[in-house]
Amino acid sequence: PKLSVCTTEEAIEIIRNNINYLNDWRNISELIPKKFKINKRLKKSGLAGFFAAALELTKEGVLNIIQEKSFDKLLIRQKK
């Protein structure tokens, strides 16, 4: 059986649907659906998909991304 993956397109749609929730800085992992938190491999897939989506939406001018130090939490918010 194939491992399901979180695609960038799926993550972009989820972020866009929750954009009003992102008025303040939020940990990117808060938006990852539960189905991608079941095991370690799915968690990695979810984080990768949402990170790629956040980068794309930052490029489009929709989001801001911040990480205070290396290996710290990734925080996103709606661009003001």
PDB file of N, CA and C in Angstrom:
ATOM      1  N   PRO A   1       0.827  -1.207   0.000  1.00  0.00           N
ATOM      2  CA  PRO A   1       0.000   0.000   0.000  1.00  0.00           C
ATOM      3  C   PRO A   1       0.861   1.256   0.000  1.00  0.00           C
ATOM      4  N   LYS A   2       0.396   2.238  -0.717  1.00  0.00           N
ATOM      5  CA  LYS A   2       1.112   3.508  -0.789  1.00  0.00           C
ATOM      6  C   LYS A   2       0.815   4.361   0.432  1.00  0.00           C
ATOM      7  N   LEU A   3       1.837   5.081   0.874  1.00  0.00           N
ATOM      8  CA  LEU A   3       1.691   6.030   1.965  1.00  0.00           C
ATOM      9  C   LEU A   3       1.033   7.290   1.411  1.00  0.00           C
ATOM     10  N   SER A   4      -0.027   7.744   2.055  1.00  0.00           N
ATOM     11  CA  SER A   4      -0.637   8.983   1.573  1.00  0.00           C
ATOM     12  C   SER A   4       0.288  10.144   1.935  1.00  0.00           C
ATOM     13  N   VAL A   5       0.290  11.146   1.102  1.00  0.00           N
ATOM     14  CA  VAL A   5       1.147  12.311   1.321  1.00  0.00           C
ATOM     15  C   VAL A   5       0.304  13.575   1.306  1.00  0.00           C
ATOM     16  N   CYS A   6       0.799  14.569   1.982  1.00  0.00           N
ATOM     17  CA  CYS A   6       0.147  15.873   1.988  1.00  0.00           C
ATOM     18  C   CYS A   6       0.747  16.689   0.856  1.00  0.00           C
ATOM     19  N   THR A   7      -0.031  16.965  -0.146  1.00  0.00           N
ATOM     20  CA  THR A   7       0.489  17.722  -1.280  1.00  0.00           C
ATOM     21  C   THR A   7       0.501  19.216  -0.977  1.00  0.00           C
ATOM     22  N   THR A   8       1.329  19.921  -1.698  1.00  0.00           N
ATOM     23  CA  THR A   8       1.396  21.374  -1.555  1.00  0.00           C
ATOM     24  C   THR A   8       0.046  21.995  -1.882  1.00  0.00           C
ATOM     25  N   GLU A   9      -0.610  21.502  -2.910  1.00  0.00           N
ATOM     26  CA  GLU A   9      -1.907  22.042  -3.321  1.00  0.00           C
ATOM     27  C   GLU A   9      -2.957  21.854  -2.227  1.00  0.00           C
ATOM     28  N   GLU A  10      -2.954  20.677  -1.597  1.00  0.00           N
ATOM     29  CA  GLU A  10      -3.889  20.401  -0.511  1.00  0.00           C
ATOM     30  C   GLU A  10      -3.628  21.342   0.671  1.00  0.00           C
ATOM     31  N   ALA A  11      -2.359  21.537   0.992  1.00  0.00           N
ATOM     32  CA  ALA A  11      -1.993  22.410   2.105  1.00  0.00           C
ATOM     33  C   ALA A  11      -2.337  23.872   1.802  1.00  0.00           C
ATOM     34  N   ILE A  12      -2.136  24.313   0.568  1.00  0.00           N
ATOM     35  CA  ILE A  12      -2.497  25.685   0.183  1.00  0.00           C
ATOM     36  C   ILE A  12      -3.988  25.901   0.385  1.00  0.00           C
ATOM     37  N   GLU A  13      -4.787  24.934  -0.035  1.00  0.00           N
ATOM     38  CA  GLU A  13      -6.237  25.049   0.117  1.00  0.00           C
ATOM     39  C   GLU A  13      -6.624  25.143   1.596  1.00  0.00           C
ATOM     40  N   ILE A  14      -6.009  24.331   2.445  1.00  0.00           N
ATOM     41  CA  ILE A  14      -6.309  24.360   3.879  1.00  0.00           C
ATOM     42  C   ILE A  14      -5.897  25.694   4.486  1.00  0.00           C
ATOM     43  N   ILE A  15      -4.727  26.187   4.120  1.00  0.00           N
ATOM     44  CA  ILE A  15      -4.277  27.484   4.650  1.00  0.00           C
ATOM     45  C   ILE A  15      -5.211  28.595   4.192  1.00  0.00           C
ATOM     46  N   ARG A  16      -5.574  28.605   2.914  1.00  0.00           N
ATOM     47  CA  ARG A  16      -6.484  29.649   2.403  1.00  0.00           C
ATOM     48  C   ARG A  16      -7.853  29.590   3.102  1.00  0.00           C
ATOM     49  N   ASN A  17      -8.336  28.390   3.395  1.00  0.00           N
ATOM     50  CA  ASN A  17      -9.625  28.245   4.082  1.00  0.00           C
ATOM     51  C   ASN A  17      -9.560  28.696   5.537  1.00  0.00           C
ATOM     52  N   ASN A  18      -8.370  28.757   6.101  1.00  0.00           N
ATOM     53  CA  ASN A  18      -8.187  29.147   7.501  1.00  0.00           C
ATOM     54  C   ASN A  18      -7.447  30.468   7.644  1.00  0.00           C
ATOM     55  N   ILE A  19      -7.402  31.269   6.590  1.00  0.00           N
ATOM     56  CA  ILE A  19      -6.597  32.490   6.592  1.00  0.00           C
ATOM     57  C   ILE A  19      -7.037  33.471   7.681  1.00  0.00           C
ATOM     58  N   ASN A  20      -8.333  33.531   7.991  1.00  0.00           N
ATOM     59  CA  ASN A  20      -8.810  34.445   9.037  1.00  0.00           C
ATOM     60  C   ASN A  20      -8.335  34.036  10.423  1.00  0.00           C
ATOM     61  N   TYR A  21      -7.989  32.765  10.591  1.00  0.00           N
ATOM     62  CA  TYR A  21      -7.458  32.236  11.836  1.00  0.00           C
ATOM     63  C   TYR A  21      -5.999  32.671  12.040  1.00  0.00           C
ATOM     64  N   LEU A  22      -5.381  33.181  10.987  1.00  0.00           N
ATOM     65  CA  LEU A  22      -3.955  33.498  11.009  1.00  0.00           C
ATOM     66  C   LEU A  22      -3.671  34.991  11.168  1.00  0.00           C
ATOM     67  N   ASN A  23      -4.478  35.690  11.958  1.00  0.00           N
ATOM     68  CA  ASN A  23      -4.229  37.104  12.212  1.00  0.00           C
ATOM     69  C   ASN A  23      -3.006  37.310  13.092  1.00  0.00           C
ATOM     70  N   ASP A  24      -2.741  36.371  14.004  1.00  0.00           N
ATOM     71  CA  ASP A  24      -1.554  36.393  14.851  1.00  0.00           C
ATOM     72  C   ASP A  24      -0.661  35.222  14.456  1.00  0.00           C
ATOM     73  N   TRP A  25       0.565  35.234  14.927  1.00  0.00           N
ATOM     74  CA  TRP A  25       1.500  34.152  14.622  1.00  0.00           C
ATOM     75  C   TRP A  25       0.968  32.826  15.155  1.00  0.00           C
ATOM     76  N   ARG A  26       0.966  31.808  14.305  1.00  0.00           N
ATOM     77  CA  ARG A  26       0.525  30.459  14.662  1.00  0.00           C
ATOM     78  C   ARG A  26       1.584  29.455  14.213  1.00  0.00           C
ATOM     79  N   ASN A  27       1.734  28.413  15.004  1.00  0.00           N
ATOM     80  CA  ASN A  27       2.628  27.331  14.635  1.00  0.00           C
ATOM     81  C   ASN A  27       2.036  26.635  13.403  1.00  0.00           C
ATOM     82  N   ILE A  28       2.856  26.444  12.398  1.00  0.00           N
ATOM     83  CA  ILE A  28       2.382  25.848  11.149  1.00  0.00           C
ATOM     84  C   ILE A  28       1.775  24.463  11.388  1.00  0.00           C
ATOM     85  N   SER A  29       2.266  23.740  12.392  1.00  0.00           N
ATOM     86  CA  SER A  29       1.770  22.389  12.650  1.00  0.00           C
ATOM     87  C   SER A  29       0.327  22.379  13.162  1.00  0.00           C
ATOM     88  N   GLU A  30      -0.175  23.514  13.644  1.00  0.00           N
ATOM     89  CA  GLU A  30      -1.565  23.583  14.105  1.00  0.00           C
ATOM     90  C   GLU A  30      -2.562  23.379  12.968  1.00  0.00           C
ATOM     91  N   LEU A  31      -2.147  23.646  11.740  1.00  0.00           N
ATOM     92  CA  LEU A  31      -3.042  23.530  10.592  1.00  0.00           C
ATOM     93  C   LEU A  31      -3.006  22.157   9.934  1.00  0.00           C
ATOM     94  N   ILE A  32      -2.037  21.349  10.276  1.00  0.00           N
ATOM     95  CA  ILE A  32      -1.899  20.029   9.654  1.00  0.00           C
ATOM     96  C   ILE A  32      -3.043  19.129  10.123  1.00  0.00           C
ATOM     97  N   PRO A  33      -3.786  18.532   9.193  1.00  0.00           N
ATOM     98  CA  PRO A  33      -4.913  17.661   9.565  1.00  0.00           C
ATOM     99  C   PRO A  33      -4.466  16.461  10.397  1.00  0.00           C
ATOM    100  N   LYS A  34      -5.381  15.972  11.218  1.00  0.00           N
ATOM    101  CA  LYS A  34      -5.095  14.831  12.110  1.00  0.00           C
ATOM    102  C   LYS A  34      -4.623  13.598  11.339  1.00  0.00           C
ATOM    103  N   LYS A  35      -5.140  13.417  10.128  1.00  0.00           N
ATOM    104  CA  LYS A  35      -4.760  12.219   9.373  1.00  0.00           C
ATOM    105  C   LYS A  35      -3.267  12.199   9.045  1.00  0.00           C
ATOM    106  N   PHE A  36      -2.597  13.366   9.128  1.00  0.00           N
ATOM    107  CA  PHE A  36      -1.159  13.419   8.902  1.00  0.00           C
ATOM    108  C   PHE A  36      -0.369  13.491  10.204  1.00  0.00           C
ATOM    109  N   LYS A  37      -1.022  13.162  11.317  1.00  0.00           N
ATOM    110  CA  LYS A  37      -0.335  13.144  12.609  1.00  0.00           C
ATOM    111  C   LYS A  37      -0.347  11.758  13.236  1.00  0.00           C
ATOM    112  N   ILE A  38      -0.730  10.760  12.456  1.00  0.00           N
ATOM    113  CA  ILE A  38      -0.888   9.395  12.957  1.00  0.00           C
ATOM    114  C   ILE A  38       0.463   8.747  13.283  1.00  0.00           C
ATOM    115  N   ASN A  39       1.431   8.915  12.393  1.00  0.00           N
ATOM    116  CA  ASN A  39       2.749   8.323  12.638  1.00  0.00           C
ATOM    117  C   ASN A  39       3.842   9.264  12.136  1.00  0.00           C
ATOM    118  N   LYS A  40       5.073   8.877  12.383  1.00  0.00           N
ATOM    119  CA  LYS A  40       6.209   9.748  12.078  1.00  0.00           C
ATOM    120  C   LYS A  40       6.322  10.080  10.588  1.00  0.00           C
ATOM    121  N   ARG A  41       6.105   9.097   9.730  1.00  0.00           N
ATOM    122  CA  ARG A  41       6.220   9.326   8.283  1.00  0.00           C
ATOM    123  C   ARG A  41       5.147  10.293   7.783  1.00  0.00           C
ATOM    124  N   LEU A  42       3.931  10.136   8.286  1.00  0.00           N
ATOM    125  CA  LEU A  42       2.857  11.041   7.885  1.00  0.00           C
ATOM    126  C   LEU A  42       3.083  12.449   8.434  1.00  0.00           C
ATOM    127  N   LYS A  43       3.641  12.548   9.645  1.00  0.00           N
ATOM    128  CA  LYS A  43       3.949  13.864  10.217  1.00  0.00           C
ATOM    129  C   LYS A  43       4.951  14.601   9.343  1.00  0.00           C
ATOM    130  N   LYS A  44       5.956  13.883   8.872  1.00  0.00           N
ATOM    131  CA  LYS A  44       6.959  14.488   7.990  1.00  0.00           C
ATOM    132  C   LYS A  44       6.324  14.948   6.684  1.00  0.00           C
ATOM    133  N   SER A  45       5.438  14.136   6.138  1.00  0.00           N
ATOM    134  CA  SER A  45       4.741  14.490   4.904  1.00  0.00           C
ATOM    135  C   SER A  45       3.871  15.727   5.107  1.00  0.00           C
ATOM    136  N   GLY A  46       3.143  15.759   6.217  1.00  0.00           N
ATOM    137  CA  GLY A  46       2.287  16.907   6.511  1.00  0.00           C
ATOM    138  C   GLY A  46       3.091  18.186   6.669  1.00  0.00           C
ATOM    139  N   LEU A  47       4.175  18.109   7.414  1.00  0.00           N
ATOM    140  CA  LEU A  47       5.004  19.298   7.621  1.00  0.00           C
ATOM    141  C   LEU A  47       5.639  19.760   6.317  1.00  0.00           C
ATOM    142  N   ALA A  48       6.114  18.823   5.512  1.00  0.00           N
ATOM    143  CA  ALA A  48       6.724  19.174   4.229  1.00  0.00           C
ATOM    144  C   ALA A  48       5.715  19.850   3.305  1.00  0.00           C
ATOM    145  N   GLY A  49       4.514  19.307   3.236  1.00  0.00           N
ATOM    146  CA  GLY A  49       3.480  19.891   2.384  1.00  0.00           C
ATOM    147  C   GLY A  49       3.092  21.286   2.840  1.00  0.00           C
ATOM    148  N   PHE A  50       2.956  21.463   4.136  1.00  0.00           N
ATOM    149  CA  PHE A  50       2.563  22.777   4.658  1.00  0.00           C
ATOM    150  C   PHE A  50       3.699  23.786   4.577  1.00  0.00           C
ATOM    151  N   PHE A  51       4.930  23.331   4.722  1.00  0.00           N
ATOM    152  CA  PHE A  51       6.067  24.238   4.578  1.00  0.00           C
ATOM    153  C   PHE A  51       6.151  24.726   3.131  1.00  0.00           C
ATOM    154  N   ALA A  52       6.024  23.819   2.178  1.00  0.00           N
ATOM    155  CA  ALA A  52       6.049  24.204   0.761  1.00  0.00           C
ATOM    156  C   ALA A  52       4.891  25.156   0.441  1.00  0.00           C
ATOM    157  N   ALA A  53       3.722  24.875   1.001  1.00  0.00           N
ATOM    158  CA  ALA A  53       2.558  25.745   0.777  1.00  0.00           C
ATOM    159  C   ALA A  53       2.794  27.129   1.381  1.00  0.00           C
ATOM    160  N   ALA A  54       3.359  27.180   2.577  1.00  0.00           N
ATOM    161  CA  ALA A  54       3.632  28.458   3.227  1.00  0.00           C
ATOM    162  C   ALA A  54       4.645  29.269   2.425  1.00  0.00           C
ATOM    163  N   LEU A  55       5.652  28.602   1.882  1.00  0.00           N
ATOM    164  CA  LEU A  55       6.630  29.316   1.047  1.00  0.00           C
ATOM    165  C   LEU A  55       5.958  29.893  -0.206  1.00  0.00           C
ATOM    166  N   GLU A  56       5.108  29.097  -0.823  1.00  0.00           N
ATOM    167  CA  GLU A  56       4.406  29.562  -2.034  1.00  0.00           C
ATOM    168  C   GLU A  56       3.494  30.741  -1.710  1.00  0.00           C
ATOM    169  N   LEU A  57       2.748  30.660  -0.611  1.00  0.00           N
ATOM    170  CA  LEU A  57       1.840  31.746  -0.241  1.00  0.00           C
ATOM    171  C   LEU A  57       2.605  32.994   0.224  1.00  0.00           C
ATOM    172  N   THR A  58       3.786  32.807   0.766  1.00  0.00           N
ATOM    173  CA  THR A  58       4.641  33.949   1.113  1.00  0.00           C
ATOM    174  C   THR A  58       5.121  34.633  -0.165  1.00  0.00           C
ATOM    175  N   LYS A  59       5.498  33.840  -1.135  1.00  0.00           N
ATOM    176  CA  LYS A  59       5.926  34.366  -2.433  1.00  0.00           C
ATOM    177  C   LYS A  59       4.796  35.164  -3.102  1.00  0.00           C
ATOM    178  N   GLU A  60       3.558  34.698  -2.923  1.00  0.00           N
ATOM    179  CA  GLU A  60       2.393  35.390  -3.499  1.00  0.00           C
ATOM    180  C   GLU A  60       1.979  36.621  -2.681  1.00  0.00           C
ATOM    181  N   GLY A  61       2.580  36.807  -1.512  1.00  0.00           N
ATOM    182  CA  GLY A  61       2.257  37.960  -0.675  1.00  0.00           C
ATOM    183  C   GLY A  61       1.066  37.758   0.240  1.00  0.00           C
ATOM    184  N   VAL A  62       0.683  36.507   0.506  1.00  0.00           N
ATOM    185  CA  VAL A  62      -0.472  36.199   1.339  1.00  0.00           C
ATOM    186  C   VAL A  62      -0.072  35.984   2.799  1.00  0.00           C
ATOM    187  N   LEU A  63       1.113  35.385   3.027  1.00  0.00           N
ATOM    188  CA  LEU A  63       1.567  35.014   4.364  1.00  0.00           C
ATOM    189  C   LEU A  63       2.922  35.622   4.693  1.00  0.00           C
ATOM    190  N   ASN A  64       3.223  35.655   5.987  1.00  0.00           N
ATOM    191  CA  ASN A  64       4.563  35.906   6.500  1.00  0.00           C
ATOM    192  C   ASN A  64       4.989  34.646   7.231  1.00  0.00           C
ATOM    193  N   ILE A  65       6.268  34.332   7.164  1.00  0.00           N
ATOM    194  CA  ILE A  65       6.837  33.187   7.877  1.00  0.00           C
ATOM    195  C   ILE A  65       7.954  33.708   8.766  1.00  0.00           C
ATOM    196  N   ILE A  66       8.056  33.131   9.974  1.00  0.00           N
ATOM    197  CA  ILE A  66       9.153  33.485  10.860  1.00  0.00           C
ATOM    198  C   ILE A  66       9.619  32.233  11.598  1.00  0.00           C
ATOM    199  N   GLN A  67      10.917  32.193  11.842  1.00  0.00           N
ATOM    200  CA  GLN A  67      11.522  31.145  12.666  1.00  0.00           C
ATOM    201  C   GLN A  67      12.612  31.845  13.464  1.00  0.00           C
ATOM    202  N   GLU A  68      12.457  31.883  14.774  1.00  0.00           N
ATOM    203  CA  GLU A  68      13.343  32.673  15.629  1.00  0.00           C
ATOM    204  C   GLU A  68      14.785  32.180  15.609  1.00  0.00           C
ATOM    205  N   LYS A  69      14.990  30.859  15.593  1.00  0.00           N
ATOM    206  CA  LYS A  69      16.340  30.301  15.529  1.00  0.00           C
ATOM    207  C   LYS A  69      16.277  28.961  14.802  1.00  0.00           C
ATOM    208  N   SER A  70      17.420  28.439  14.425  1.00  0.00           N
ATOM    209  CA  SER A  70      17.479  27.164  13.705  1.00  0.00           C
ATOM    210  C   SER A  70      16.764  26.065  14.480  1.00  0.00           C
ATOM    211  N   PHE A  71      16.009  25.280  13.776  1.00  0.00           N
ATOM    212  CA  PHE A  71      15.275  24.130  14.319  1.00  0.00           C
ATOM    213  C   PHE A  71      14.173  24.526  15.292  1.00  0.00           C
ATOM    214  N   ASP A  72      13.813  25.809  15.331  1.00  0.00           N
ATOM    215  CA  ASP A  72      12.712  26.278  16.162  1.00  0.00           C
ATOM    216  C   ASP A  72      11.406  26.092  15.395  1.00  0.00           C
ATOM    217  N   LYS A  73      10.286  26.371  16.033  1.00  0.00           N
ATOM    218  CA  LYS A  73       8.979  26.245  15.396  1.00  0.00           C
ATOM    219  C   LYS A  73       8.865  27.230  14.225  1.00  0.00           C
ATOM    220  N   LEU A  74       8.161  26.793  13.179  1.00  0.00           N
ATOM    221  CA  LEU A  74       7.834  27.667  12.057  1.00  0.00           C
ATOM    222  C   LEU A  74       6.509  28.337  12.359  1.00  0.00           C
ATOM    223  N   LEU A  75       6.507  29.654  12.341  1.00  0.00           N
ATOM    224  CA  LEU A  75       5.286  30.411  12.627  1.00  0.00           C
ATOM    225  C   LEU A  75       4.848  31.126  11.353  1.00  0.00           C
ATOM    226  N   ILE A  76       3.528  31.132  11.140  1.00  0.00           N
ATOM    227  CA  ILE A  76       2.979  31.827   9.973  1.00  0.00           C
ATOM    228  C   ILE A  76       1.853  32.742  10.431  1.00  0.00           C
ATOM    229  N   ARG A  77       1.594  33.772   9.627  1.00  0.00           N
ATOM    230  CA  ARG A  77       0.446  34.638   9.856  1.00  0.00           C
ATOM    231  C   ARG A  77       0.059  35.287   8.528  1.00  0.00           C
ATOM    232  N   GLN A  78      -1.158  35.761   8.497  1.00  0.00           N
ATOM    233  CA  GLN A  78      -1.666  36.450   7.310  1.00  0.00           C
ATOM    234  C   GLN A  78      -0.885  37.743   7.163  1.00  0.00           C
ATOM    235  N   LYS A  79      -0.474  38.049   5.947  1.00  0.00           N
ATOM    236  CA  LYS A  79       0.255  39.278   5.688  1.00  0.00           C
ATOM    237  C   LYS A  79      -0.669  40.467   5.907  1.00  0.00           C
ATOM    238  N   LYS A  80      -0.164  41.448   6.635  1.00  0.00           N
ATOM    239  CA  LYS A  80      -0.978  42.627   6.971  1.00  0.00           C
ATOM    240  C   LYS A  80      -0.649  43.781   6.070  1.00  0.00           C
TER     241      LYS A  80
END
